């Protein structure tokens, strides 16, 4: 069976989109600074910083993830790197975290996947 590069790339994208991750979610305030993906980030933006493993040297910049917690979910754009996050954990902008839980929770266990 022969596959073209574009078909293999499409298949790899589907597989990575279907892969579910789990870990801790925390929050931060971008305060108008630049994320590791090179864009200026505001506190009101639904953006996320990924661990080094999932950030993959910026290969996932601009992708979106869906984060799930206790029956709630939020979609956020990959815009930053969280070098202190364990693999599978995410650091959400405050606005995205508040969709899932009150800020006084600080750290919650979540599942997430690329969408």
PDB file of N, CA and C in Angstrom:
ATOM      1  N   UNK A   1       0.844  -1.162   0.000  1.00  0.00           N
ATOM      2  CA  UNK A   1       0.000   0.000   0.000  1.00  0.00           C
ATOM      3  C   UNK A   1       0.899   1.237   0.000  1.00  0.00           C
ATOM      4  N   UNK A   2       0.625   2.169  -0.870  1.00  0.00           N
ATOM      5  CA  UNK A   2       1.431   3.373  -1.001  1.00  0.00           C
ATOM      6  C   UNK A   2       0.623   4.576  -0.511  1.00  0.00           C
ATOM      7  N   UNK A   3       1.225   5.383   0.371  1.00  0.00           N
ATOM      8  CA  UNK A   3       0.581   6.592   0.881  1.00  0.00           C
ATOM      9  C   UNK A   3       1.376   7.805   0.441  1.00  0.00           C
ATOM     10  N   UNK A   4       0.679   8.837   0.089  1.00  0.00           N
ATOM     11  CA  UNK A   4       1.361  10.092  -0.227  1.00  0.00           C
ATOM     12  C   UNK A   4       1.677  10.808   1.077  1.00  0.00           C
ATOM     13  N   UNK A   5       2.611  11.719   1.018  1.00  0.00           N
ATOM     14  CA  UNK A   5       2.989  12.495   2.195  1.00  0.00           C
ATOM     15  C   UNK A   5       1.782  13.237   2.760  1.00  0.00           C
ATOM     16  N   UNK A   6       0.964  13.827   1.901  1.00  0.00           N
ATOM     17  CA  UNK A   6      -0.189  14.600   2.376  1.00  0.00           C
ATOM     18  C   UNK A   6      -1.197  13.706   3.095  1.00  0.00           C
ATOM     19  N   UNK A   7      -1.373  12.468   2.628  1.00  0.00           N
ATOM     20  CA  UNK A   7      -2.290  11.550   3.305  1.00  0.00           C
ATOM     21  C   UNK A   7      -1.734  11.128   4.658  1.00  0.00           C
ATOM     22  N   UNK A   8      -0.427  10.910   4.731  1.00  0.00           N
ATOM     23  CA  UNK A   8       0.182  10.559   6.012  1.00  0.00           C
ATOM     24  C   UNK A   8       0.084  11.715   6.999  1.00  0.00           C
ATOM     25  N   UNK A   9       0.294  12.931   6.520  1.00  0.00           N
ATOM     26  CA  UNK A   9       0.188  14.103   7.376  1.00  0.00           C
ATOM     27  C   UNK A   9      -1.241  14.261   7.884  1.00  0.00           C
ATOM     28  N   UNK A  10      -2.219  14.069   7.031  1.00  0.00           N
ATOM     29  CA  UNK A  10      -3.621  14.156   7.429  1.00  0.00           C
ATOM     30  C   UNK A  10      -3.955  13.096   8.475  1.00  0.00           C
ATOM     31  N   UNK A  11      -3.444  11.899   8.298  1.00  0.00           N
ATOM     32  CA  UNK A  11      -3.667  10.824   9.254  1.00  0.00           C
ATOM     33  C   UNK A  11      -3.031  11.151  10.601  1.00  0.00           C
ATOM     34  N   UNK A  12      -1.815  11.667  10.577  1.00  0.00           N
ATOM     35  CA  UNK A  12      -1.137  12.039  11.817  1.00  0.00           C
ATOM     36  C   UNK A  12      -1.899  13.135  12.553  1.00  0.00           C
ATOM     37  N   UNK A  13      -2.454  14.076  11.824  1.00  0.00           N
ATOM     38  CA  UNK A  13      -3.239  15.151  12.426  1.00  0.00           C
ATOM     39  C   UNK A  13      -4.495  14.597  13.085  1.00  0.00           C
ATOM     40  N   UNK A  14      -5.170  13.669  12.432  1.00  0.00           N
ATOM     41  CA  UNK A  14      -6.363  13.055  13.008  1.00  0.00           C
ATOM     42  C   UNK A  14      -6.032  12.279  14.279  1.00  0.00           C
ATOM     43  N   UNK A  15      -4.936  11.558  14.259  1.00  0.00           N
ATOM     44  CA  UNK A  15      -4.539  10.777  15.431  1.00  0.00           C
ATOM     45  C   UNK A  15      -4.229  11.704  16.592  1.00  0.00           C
ATOM     46  N   UNK A  16      -3.468  12.782  16.350  1.00  0.00           N
ATOM     47  CA  UNK A  16      -3.118  13.685  17.445  1.00  0.00           C
ATOM     48  C   UNK A  16      -4.346  14.421  17.957  1.00  0.00           C
ATOM     49  N   UNK A  17      -5.309  14.722  17.087  1.00  0.00           N
ATOM     50  CA  UNK A  17      -6.524  15.402  17.522  1.00  0.00           C
ATOM     51  C   UNK A  17      -7.359  14.501  18.416  1.00  0.00           C
ATOM     52  N   UNK A  18      -7.318  13.204  18.175  1.00  0.00           N
ATOM     53  CA  UNK A  18      -8.115  12.263  18.944  1.00  0.00           C
ATOM     54  C   UNK A  18      -7.453  11.898  20.276  1.00  0.00           C
ATOM     55  N   UNK A  19      -6.169  12.132  20.412  1.00  0.00           N
ATOM     56  CA  UNK A  19      -5.446  11.753  21.615  1.00  0.00           C
ATOM     57  C   UNK A  19      -5.869  12.636  22.777  1.00  0.00           C
ATOM     58  N   UNK A  20      -6.241  12.017  23.869  1.00  0.00           N
ATOM     59  CA  UNK A  20      -6.632  12.761  25.064  1.00  0.00           C
ATOM     60  C   UNK A  20      -5.463  12.817  26.034  1.00  0.00           C
ATOM     61  N   UNK A  21      -5.317  13.953  26.675  1.00  0.00           N
ATOM     62  CA  UNK A  21      -4.281  14.164  27.679  1.00  0.00           C
ATOM     63  C   UNK A  21      -4.957  14.423  29.015  1.00  0.00           C
ATOM     64  N   UNK A  22      -4.245  14.202  30.091  1.00  0.00           N
ATOM     65  CA  UNK A  22      -4.755  14.563  31.407  1.00  0.00           C
ATOM     66  C   UNK A  22      -3.612  15.124  32.235  1.00  0.00           C
ATOM     67  N   UNK A  23      -3.981  16.035  33.132  1.00  0.00           N
ATOM     68  CA  UNK A  23      -2.985  16.658  33.992  1.00  0.00           C
ATOM     69  C   UNK A  23      -3.627  17.773  34.788  1.00  0.00           C
ATOM     70  N   UNK A  24      -2.803  18.609  35.361  1.00  0.00           N
ATOM     71  CA  UNK A  24      -3.288  19.743  36.135  1.00  0.00           C
ATOM     72  C   UNK A  24      -3.469  20.954  35.235  1.00  0.00           C
ATOM     73  N   UNK A  25      -4.450  21.773  35.581  1.00  0.00           N
ATOM     74  CA  UNK A  25      -4.611  23.077  34.943  1.00  0.00           C
ATOM     75  C   UNK A  25      -4.437  24.135  36.020  1.00  0.00           C
ATOM     76  N   UNK A  26      -3.634  25.126  35.712  1.00  0.00           N
ATOM     77  CA  UNK A  26      -3.451  26.295  36.553  1.00  0.00           C
ATOM     78  C   UNK A  26      -3.788  27.500  35.688  1.00  0.00           C
ATOM     79  N   UNK A  27      -3.633  28.709  36.235  1.00  0.00           N
ATOM     80  CA  UNK A  27      -3.917  29.894  35.428  1.00  0.00           C
ATOM     81  C   UNK A  27      -2.837  30.949  35.618  1.00  0.00           C
ATOM     82  N   UNK A  28      -2.775  31.843  34.648  1.00  0.00           N
ATOM     83  CA  UNK A  28      -1.837  32.964  34.704  1.00  0.00           C
ATOM     84  C   UNK A  28      -2.452  34.176  34.028  1.00  0.00           C
ATOM     85  N   UNK A  29      -1.835  35.317  34.229  1.00  0.00           N
ATOM     86  CA  UNK A  29      -2.266  36.572  33.619  1.00  0.00           C
ATOM     87  C   UNK A  29      -1.234  36.998  32.587  1.00  0.00           C
ATOM     88  N   UNK A  30      -1.556  36.927  31.305  1.00  0.00           N
ATOM     89  CA  UNK A  30      -0.601  37.334  30.269  1.00  0.00           C
ATOM     90  C   UNK A  30      -0.246  38.824  30.326  1.00  0.00           C
ATOM     91  N   UNK A  31      -1.175  39.656  30.802  1.00  0.00           N
ATOM     92  CA  UNK A  31      -0.932  41.094  30.994  1.00  0.00           C
ATOM     93  C   UNK A  31      -0.389  41.816  29.772  1.00  0.00           C
ATOM     94  N   UNK A  32      -0.801  41.407  28.573  1.00  0.00           N
ATOM     95  CA  UNK A  32      -0.367  42.097  27.362  1.00  0.00           C
ATOM     96  C   UNK A  32       1.027  41.745  26.893  1.00  0.00           C
ATOM     97  N   UNK A  33       1.650  40.759  27.540  1.00  0.00           N
ATOM     98  CA  UNK A  33       2.984  40.327  27.130  1.00  0.00           C
ATOM     99  C   UNK A  33       2.929  39.408  25.926  1.00  0.00           C
ATOM    100  N   UNK A  34       4.091  39.080  25.422  1.00  0.00           N
ATOM    101  CA  UNK A  34       4.183  38.178  24.276  1.00  0.00           C
ATOM    102  C   UNK A  34       4.355  36.749  24.764  1.00  0.00           C
ATOM    103  N   UNK A  35       3.566  35.829  24.191  1.00  0.00           N
ATOM    104  CA  UNK A  35       3.708  34.418  24.486  1.00  0.00           C
ATOM    105  C   UNK A  35       4.858  33.831  23.687  1.00  0.00           C
ATOM    106  N   UNK A  36       5.229  32.620  24.003  1.00  0.00           N
ATOM    107  CA  UNK A  36       6.338  31.943  23.320  1.00  0.00           C
ATOM    108  C   UNK A  36       6.058  31.741  21.833  1.00  0.00           C
ATOM    109  N   UNK A  37       4.787  31.790  21.439  1.00  0.00           N
ATOM    110  CA  UNK A  37       4.433  31.650  20.019  1.00  0.00           C
ATOM    111  C   UNK A  37       4.556  32.970  19.260  1.00  0.00           C
ATOM    112  N   UNK A  38       4.915  34.051  19.964  1.00  0.00           N
ATOM    113  CA  UNK A  38       5.202  35.317  19.305  1.00  0.00           C
ATOM    114  C   UNK A  38       4.056  36.302  19.211  1.00  0.00           C
ATOM    115  N   UNK A  39       2.922  36.000  19.840  1.00  0.00           N
ATOM    116  CA  UNK A  39       1.775  36.901  19.770  1.00  0.00           C
ATOM    117  C   UNK A  39       1.572  37.614  21.104  1.00  0.00           C
ATOM    118  N   UNK A  40       1.077  38.837  21.035  1.00  0.00           N
ATOM    119  CA  UNK A  40       0.737  39.594  22.222  1.00  0.00           C
ATOM    120  C   UNK A  40      -0.539  39.006  22.813  1.00  0.00           C
ATOM    121  N   UNK A  41      -0.541  38.753  24.114  1.00  0.00           N
ATOM    122  CA  UNK A  41      -1.656  38.071  24.772  1.00  0.00           C
ATOM    123  C   UNK A  41      -2.298  38.969  25.822  1.00  0.00           C
ATOM    124  N   UNK A  42      -3.617  38.998  25.801  1.00  0.00           N
ATOM    125  CA  UNK A  42      -4.377  39.785  26.776  1.00  0.00           C
ATOM    126  C   UNK A  42      -5.010  38.849  27.812  1.00  0.00           C
ATOM    127  N   UNK A  43      -5.299  39.400  28.979  1.00  0.00           N
ATOM    128  CA  UNK A  43      -5.906  38.601  30.047  1.00  0.00           C
ATOM    129  C   UNK A  43      -7.264  38.035  29.646  1.00  0.00           C
ATOM    130  N   UNK A  44      -7.955  38.714  28.748  1.00  0.00           N
ATOM    131  CA  UNK A  44      -9.289  38.267  28.318  1.00  0.00           C
ATOM    132  C   UNK A  44      -9.237  37.190  27.233  1.00  0.00           C
ATOM    133  N   UNK A  45      -8.053  36.925  26.682  1.00  0.00           N
ATOM    134  CA  UNK A  45      -7.914  35.909  25.623  1.00  0.00           C
ATOM    135  C   UNK A  45      -8.016  34.500  26.207  1.00  0.00           C
ATOM    136  N   UNK A  46      -8.728  33.630  25.524  1.00  0.00           N
ATOM    137  CA  UNK A  46      -8.744  32.209  25.900  1.00  0.00           C
ATOM    138  C   UNK A  46      -7.530  31.557  25.255  1.00  0.00           C
ATOM    139  N   UNK A  47      -6.398  31.653  25.945  1.00  0.00           N
ATOM    140  CA  UNK A  47      -5.149  31.078  25.454  1.00  0.00           C
ATOM    141  C   UNK A  47      -4.605  30.110  26.491  1.00  0.00           C
ATOM    142  N   UNK A  48      -3.674  29.280  26.041  1.00  0.00           N
ATOM    143  CA  UNK A  48      -3.106  28.264  26.911  1.00  0.00           C
ATOM    144  C   UNK A  48      -1.614  28.136  26.661  1.00  0.00           C
ATOM    145  N   UNK A  49      -0.894  27.856  27.737  1.00  0.00           N
ATOM    146  CA  UNK A  49       0.526  27.513  27.658  1.00  0.00           C
ATOM    147  C   UNK A  49       0.638  26.007  27.884  1.00  0.00           C
ATOM    148  N   UNK A  50       1.337  25.342  26.988  1.00  0.00           N
ATOM    149  CA  UNK A  50       1.514  23.885  27.087  1.00  0.00           C
ATOM    150  C   UNK A  50       2.857  23.541  27.711  1.00  0.00           C
ATOM    151  N   UNK A  51       2.938  22.339  28.262  1.00  0.00           N
ATOM    152  CA  UNK A  51       4.220  21.824  28.757  1.00  0.00           C
ATOM    153  C   UNK A  51       5.192  21.709  27.582  1.00  0.00           C
ATOM    154  N   UNK A  52       6.450  21.606  27.901  1.00  0.00           N
ATOM    155  CA  UNK A  52       7.471  21.485  26.848  1.00  0.00           C
ATOM    156  C   UNK A  52       7.188  20.311  25.920  1.00  0.00           C
ATOM    157  N   UNK A  53       6.721  19.198  26.484  1.00  0.00           N
ATOM    158  CA  UNK A  53       6.458  18.000  25.674  1.00  0.00           C
ATOM    159  C   UNK A  53       5.367  18.261  24.638  1.00  0.00           C
ATOM    160  N   UNK A  54       4.272  18.900  25.048  1.00  0.00           N
ATOM    161  CA  UNK A  54       3.184  19.143  24.110  1.00  0.00           C
ATOM    162  C   UNK A  54       3.415  20.395  23.256  1.00  0.00           C
ATOM    163  N   UNK A  55       4.156  21.353  23.772  1.00  0.00           N
ATOM    164  CA  UNK A  55       4.488  22.557  22.999  1.00  0.00           C
ATOM    165  C   UNK A  55       5.325  22.176  21.775  1.00  0.00           C
ATOM    166  N   UNK A  56       6.198  21.190  21.953  1.00  0.00           N
ATOM    167  CA  UNK A  56       6.954  20.591  20.848  1.00  0.00           C
ATOM    168  C   UNK A  56       7.716  21.635  20.018  1.00  0.00           C
ATOM    169  N   UNK A  57       8.504  22.444  20.721  1.00  0.00           N
ATOM    170  CA  UNK A  57       9.312  23.476  20.053  1.00  0.00           C
ATOM    171  C   UNK A  57       8.480  24.412  19.187  1.00  0.00           C
ATOM    172  N   UNK A  58       7.243  24.655  19.590  1.00  0.00           N
ATOM    173  CA  UNK A  58       6.377  25.585  18.875  1.00  0.00           C
ATOM    174  C   UNK A  58       5.547  24.968  17.771  1.00  0.00           C
ATOM    175  N   UNK A  59       5.693  23.671  17.554  1.00  0.00           N
ATOM    176  CA  UNK A  59       4.956  23.020  16.464  1.00  0.00           C
ATOM    177  C   UNK A  59       3.442  23.102  16.660  1.00  0.00           C
ATOM    178  N   UNK A  60       2.984  23.260  17.907  1.00  0.00           N
ATOM    179  CA  UNK A  60       1.544  23.304  18.166  1.00  0.00           C
ATOM    180  C   UNK A  60       1.000  24.723  18.354  1.00  0.00           C
ATOM    181  N   UNK A  61       1.836  25.729  18.121  1.00  0.00           N
ATOM    182  CA  UNK A  61       1.372  27.116  18.208  1.00  0.00           C
ATOM    183  C   UNK A  61       0.193  27.333  17.247  1.00  0.00           C
ATOM    184  N   UNK A  62      -0.826  28.010  17.753  1.00  0.00           N
ATOM    185  CA  UNK A  62      -1.987  28.322  16.928  1.00  0.00           C
ATOM    186  C   UNK A  62      -3.068  27.256  16.920  1.00  0.00           C
ATOM    187  N   UNK A  63      -2.733  26.062  17.374  1.00  0.00           N
ATOM    188  CA  UNK A  63      -3.759  25.024  17.454  1.00  0.00           C
ATOM    189  C   UNK A  63      -4.688  25.334  18.616  1.00  0.00           C
ATOM    190  N   UNK A  64      -5.828  24.706  18.633  1.00  0.00           N
ATOM    191  CA  UNK A  64      -6.785  24.885  19.714  1.00  0.00           C
ATOM    192  C   UNK A  64      -6.939  23.583  20.480  1.00  0.00           C
ATOM    193  N   UNK A  65      -7.160  23.720  21.777  1.00  0.00           N
ATOM    194  CA  UNK A  65      -7.430  22.556  22.612  1.00  0.00           C
ATOM    195  C   UNK A  65      -8.752  22.768  23.338  1.00  0.00           C
ATOM    196  N   UNK A  66      -9.412  21.669  23.646  1.00  0.00           N
ATOM    197  CA  UNK A  66     -10.627  21.691  24.450  1.00  0.00           C
ATOM    198  C   UNK A  66     -10.271  21.083  25.802  1.00  0.00           C
ATOM    199  N   UNK A  67     -10.481  21.860  26.857  1.00  0.00           N
ATOM    200  CA  UNK A  67     -10.144  21.445  28.220  1.00  0.00           C
ATOM    201  C   UNK A  67     -11.437  21.136  28.962  1.00  0.00           C
ATOM    202  N   UNK A  68     -11.476  20.001  29.642  1.00  0.00           N
ATOM    203  CA  UNK A  68     -12.681  19.523  30.324  1.00  0.00           C
ATOM    204  C   UNK A  68     -12.447  19.381  31.828  1.00  0.00           C
ATOM    205  N   UNK A  69     -13.454  19.832  32.600  1.00  0.00           N
ATOM    206  CA  UNK A  69     -13.394  19.711  34.062  1.00  0.00           C
ATOM    207  C   UNK A  69     -14.815  19.672  34.618  1.00  0.00           C
ATOM    208  N   UNK A  70     -15.147  18.628  35.317  1.00  0.00           N
ATOM    209  CA  UNK A  70     -16.439  18.506  36.013  1.00  0.00           C
ATOM    210  C   UNK A  70     -17.643  18.881  35.148  1.00  0.00           C
ATOM    211  N   UNK A  71     -17.688  18.374  33.929  1.00  0.00           N
ATOM    212  CA  UNK A  71     -18.817  18.610  33.045  1.00  0.00           C
ATOM    213  C   UNK A  71     -18.770  19.941  32.303  1.00  0.00           C
ATOM    214  N   UNK A  72     -17.750  20.737  32.541  1.00  0.00           N
ATOM    215  CA  UNK A  72     -17.594  22.015  31.843  1.00  0.00           C
ATOM    216  C   UNK A  72     -16.420  21.889  30.881  1.00  0.00           C
ATOM    217  N   UNK A  73     -16.427  22.728  29.833  1.00  0.00           N
ATOM    218  CA  UNK A  73     -15.304  22.723  28.904  1.00  0.00           C
ATOM    219  C   UNK A  73     -15.066  24.123  28.374  1.00  0.00           C
ATOM    220  N   UNK A  74     -13.837  24.347  27.947  1.00  0.00           N
ATOM    221  CA  UNK A  74     -13.451  25.614  27.331  1.00  0.00           C
ATOM    222  C   UNK A  74     -12.456  25.300  26.224  1.00  0.00           C
ATOM    223  N   UNK A  75     -12.532  26.061  25.156  1.00  0.00           N
ATOM    224  CA  UNK A  75     -11.572  25.931  24.058  1.00  0.00           C
ATOM    225  C   UNK A  75     -10.593  27.085  24.149  1.00  0.00           C
ATOM    226  N   UNK A  76      -9.306  26.778  24.017  1.00  0.00           N
ATOM    227  CA  UNK A  76      -8.258  27.792  24.129  1.00  0.00           C
ATOM    228  C   UNK A  76      -7.224  27.589  23.027  1.00  0.00           C
ATOM    229  N   UNK A  77      -6.626  28.684  22.619  1.00  0.00           N
ATOM    230  CA  UNK A  77      -5.611  28.667  21.569  1.00  0.00           C
ATOM    231  C   UNK A  77      -4.222  28.498  22.188  1.00  0.00           C
ATOM    232  N   UNK A  78      -3.427  27.608  21.627  1.00  0.00           N
ATOM    233  CA  UNK A  78      -2.045  27.420  22.085  1.00  0.00           C
ATOM    234  C   UNK A  78      -1.242  28.650  21.683  1.00  0.00           C
ATOM    235  N   UNK A  79      -0.750  29.375  22.697  1.00  0.00           N
ATOM    236  CA  UNK A  79      -0.047  30.629  22.446  1.00  0.00           C
ATOM    237  C   UNK A  79       1.206  30.802  23.279  1.00  0.00           C
ATOM    238  N   UNK A  80       1.491  29.834  24.157  1.00  0.00           N
ATOM    239  CA  UNK A  80       2.603  30.022  25.078  1.00  0.00           C
ATOM    240  C   UNK A  80       3.164  28.675  25.527  1.00  0.00           C
ATOM    241  N   UNK A  81       4.317  28.752  26.154  1.00  0.00           N
ATOM    242  CA  UNK A  81       5.026  27.594  26.706  1.00  0.00           C
ATOM    243  C   UNK A  81       4.989  27.675  28.223  1.00  0.00           C
ATOM    244  N   UNK A  82       4.742  26.562  28.861  1.00  0.00           N
ATOM    245  CA  UNK A  82       4.801  26.463  30.317  1.00  0.00           C
ATOM    246  C   UNK A  82       5.934  25.506  30.678  1.00  0.00           C
ATOM    247  N   UNK A  83       7.160  26.016  30.793  1.00  0.00           N
ATOM    248  CA  UNK A  83       8.295  25.124  31.055  1.00  0.00           C
ATOM    249  C   UNK A  83       8.207  24.404  32.395  1.00  0.00           C
ATOM    250  N   UNK A  84       7.440  24.943  33.349  1.00  0.00           N
ATOM    251  CA  UNK A  84       7.297  24.305  34.653  1.00  0.00           C
ATOM    252  C   UNK A  84       6.164  23.304  34.728  1.00  0.00           C
ATOM    253  N   UNK A  85       5.387  23.182  33.667  1.00  0.00           N
ATOM    254  CA  UNK A  85       4.256  22.243  33.650  1.00  0.00           C
ATOM    255  C   UNK A  85       4.739  20.827  33.334  1.00  0.00           C
ATOM    256  N   UNK A  86       4.178  19.866  34.034  1.00  0.00           N
ATOM    257  CA  UNK A  86       4.447  18.458  33.720  1.00  0.00           C
ATOM    258  C   UNK A  86       3.757  18.110  32.405  1.00  0.00           C
ATOM    259  N   UNK A  87       4.225  17.072  31.756  1.00  0.00           N
ATOM    260  CA  UNK A  87       3.597  16.614  30.521  1.00  0.00           C
ATOM    261  C   UNK A  87       2.118  16.348  30.772  1.00  0.00           C
ATOM    262  N   UNK A  88       1.258  16.901  29.914  1.00  0.00           N
ATOM    263  CA  UNK A  88      -0.183  16.744  30.051  1.00  0.00           C
ATOM    264  C   UNK A  88      -0.849  17.863  30.828  1.00  0.00           C
ATOM    265  N   UNK A  89      -0.074  18.649  31.552  1.00  0.00           N
ATOM    266  CA  UNK A  89      -0.635  19.770  32.310  1.00  0.00           C
ATOM    267  C   UNK A  89      -0.639  21.029  31.450  1.00  0.00           C
ATOM    268  N   UNK A  90      -1.520  21.964  31.797  1.00  0.00           N
ATOM    269  CA  UNK A  90      -1.670  23.198  31.026  1.00  0.00           C
ATOM    270  C   UNK A  90      -1.760  24.395  31.965  1.00  0.00           C
ATOM    271  N   UNK A  91      -1.377  25.550  31.456  1.00  0.00           N
ATOM    272  CA  UNK A  91      -1.515  26.809  32.174  1.00  0.00           C
ATOM    273  C   UNK A  91      -2.434  27.690  31.334  1.00  0.00           C
ATOM    274  N   UNK A  92      -3.654  27.885  31.806  1.00  0.00           N
ATOM    275  CA  UNK A  92      -4.670  28.641  31.069  1.00  0.00           C
ATOM    276  C   UNK A  92      -4.626  30.118  31.444  1.00  0.00           C
ATOM    277  N   UNK A  93      -4.945  30.969  30.487  1.00  0.00           N
ATOM    278  CA  UNK A  93      -5.165  32.364  30.834  1.00  0.00           C
ATOM    279  C   UNK A  93      -6.333  32.401  31.822  1.00  0.00           C
ATOM    280  N   UNK A  94      -6.295  33.369  32.711  1.00  0.00           N
ATOM    281  CA  UNK A  94      -7.313  33.469  33.761  1.00  0.00           C
ATOM    282  C   UNK A  94      -8.737  33.391  33.216  1.00  0.00           C
ATOM    283  N   UNK A  95      -8.987  34.046  32.085  1.00  0.00           N
ATOM    284  CA  UNK A  95     -10.343  34.058  31.516  1.00  0.00           C
ATOM    285  C   UNK A  95     -10.816  32.660  31.141  1.00  0.00           C
ATOM    286  N   UNK A  96      -9.925  31.827  30.644  1.00  0.00           N
ATOM    287  CA  UNK A  96     -10.289  30.457  30.273  1.00  0.00           C
ATOM    288  C   UNK A  96     -10.475  29.588  31.517  1.00  0.00           C
ATOM    289  N   UNK A  97      -9.607  29.755  32.506  1.00  0.00           N
ATOM    290  CA  UNK A  97      -9.705  28.980  33.739  1.00  0.00           C
ATOM    291  C   UNK A  97     -11.049  29.237  34.420  1.00  0.00           C
ATOM    292  N   UNK A  98     -11.490  30.509  34.436  1.00  0.00           N
ATOM    293  CA  UNK A  98     -12.739  30.882  35.113  1.00  0.00           C
ATOM    294  C   UNK A  98     -13.963  30.212  34.497  1.00  0.00           C
ATOM    295  N   UNK A  99     -13.887  29.776  33.252  1.00  0.00           N
ATOM    296  CA  UNK A  99     -14.993  29.048  32.638  1.00  0.00           C
ATOM    297  C   UNK A  99     -15.146  27.679  33.303  1.00  0.00           C
ATOM    298  N   UNK A 100     -14.034  27.124  33.761  1.00  0.00           N
ATOM    299  CA  UNK A 100     -14.030  25.783  34.340  1.00  0.00           C
ATOM    300  C   UNK A 100     -14.243  25.769  35.844  1.00  0.00           C
ATOM    301  N   UNK A 101     -13.651  26.731  36.551  1.00  0.00           N
ATOM    302  CA  UNK A 101     -13.683  26.713  38.022  1.00  0.00           C
ATOM    303  C   UNK A 101     -13.382  28.103  38.564  1.00  0.00           C
ATOM    304  N   UNK A 102     -13.781  28.358  39.812  1.00  0.00           N
ATOM    305  CA  UNK A 102     -13.422  29.638  40.430  1.00  0.00           C
ATOM    306  C   UNK A 102     -11.901  29.732  40.595  1.00  0.00           C
ATOM    307  N   UNK A 103     -11.396  30.939  40.522  1.00  0.00           N
ATOM    308  CA  UNK A 103      -9.946  31.129  40.608  1.00  0.00           C
ATOM    309  C   UNK A 103      -9.364  30.639  41.937  1.00  0.00           C
ATOM    310  N   UNK A 104     -10.165  30.639  42.997  1.00  0.00           N
ATOM    311  CA  UNK A 104      -9.619  30.206  44.286  1.00  0.00           C
ATOM    312  C   UNK A 104      -9.298  28.711  44.325  1.00  0.00           C
ATOM    313  N   UNK A 105      -9.764  27.962  43.323  1.00  0.00           N
ATOM    314  CA  UNK A 105      -9.357  26.546  43.193  1.00  0.00           C
ATOM    315  C   UNK A 105      -7.865  26.466  42.893  1.00  0.00           C
ATOM    316  N   UNK A 106      -7.376  27.373  42.057  1.00  0.00           N
ATOM    317  CA  UNK A 106      -5.946  27.462  41.760  1.00  0.00           C
ATOM    318  C   UNK A 106      -5.392  26.379  40.857  1.00  0.00           C
ATOM    319  N   UNK A 107      -5.684  25.128  41.168  1.00  0.00           N
ATOM    320  CA  UNK A 107      -5.183  23.973  40.407  1.00  0.00           C
ATOM    321  C   UNK A 107      -6.284  22.925  40.365  1.00  0.00           C
ATOM    322  N   UNK A 108      -6.595  22.461  39.154  1.00  0.00           N
ATOM    323  CA  UNK A 108      -7.640  21.450  38.979  1.00  0.00           C
ATOM    324  C   UNK A 108      -7.121  20.341  38.064  1.00  0.00           C
ATOM    325  N   UNK A 109      -7.668  19.153  38.225  1.00  0.00           N
ATOM    326  CA  UNK A 109      -7.321  18.026  37.350  1.00  0.00           C
ATOM    327  C   UNK A 109      -8.231  18.055  36.136  1.00  0.00           C
ATOM    328  N   UNK A 110      -7.651  18.052  34.940  1.00  0.00           N
ATOM    329  CA  UNK A 110      -8.424  18.178  33.702  1.00  0.00           C
ATOM    330  C   UNK A 110      -8.031  17.101  32.708  1.00  0.00           C
ATOM    331  N   UNK A 111      -8.871  16.955  31.713  1.00  0.00           N
ATOM    332  CA  UNK A 111      -8.523  16.217  30.505  1.00  0.00           C
ATOM    333  C   UNK A 111      -8.619  17.212  29.354  1.00  0.00           C
ATOM    334  N   UNK A 112      -7.851  16.970  28.310  1.00  0.00           N
ATOM    335  CA  UNK A 112      -7.918  17.877  27.161  1.00  0.00           C
ATOM    336  C   UNK A 112      -7.465  17.154  25.911  1.00  0.00           C
ATOM    337  N   UNK A 113      -7.855  17.739  24.776  1.00  0.00           N
ATOM    338  CA  UNK A 113      -7.438  17.209  23.481  1.00  0.00           C
ATOM    339  C   UNK A 113      -7.384  18.347  22.469  1.00  0.00           C
ATOM    340  N   UNK A 114      -6.641  18.117  21.403  1.00  0.00           N
ATOM    341  CA  UNK A 114      -6.588  19.085  20.300  1.00  0.00           C
ATOM    342  C   UNK A 114      -7.901  19.026  19.534  1.00  0.00           C
ATOM    343  N   UNK A 115      -8.366  20.173  19.083  1.00  0.00           N
ATOM    344  CA  UNK A 115      -9.600  20.221  18.281  1.00  0.00           C
ATOM    345  C   UNK A 115      -9.336  20.920  16.964  1.00  0.00           C
TER     346      UNK A 115
END
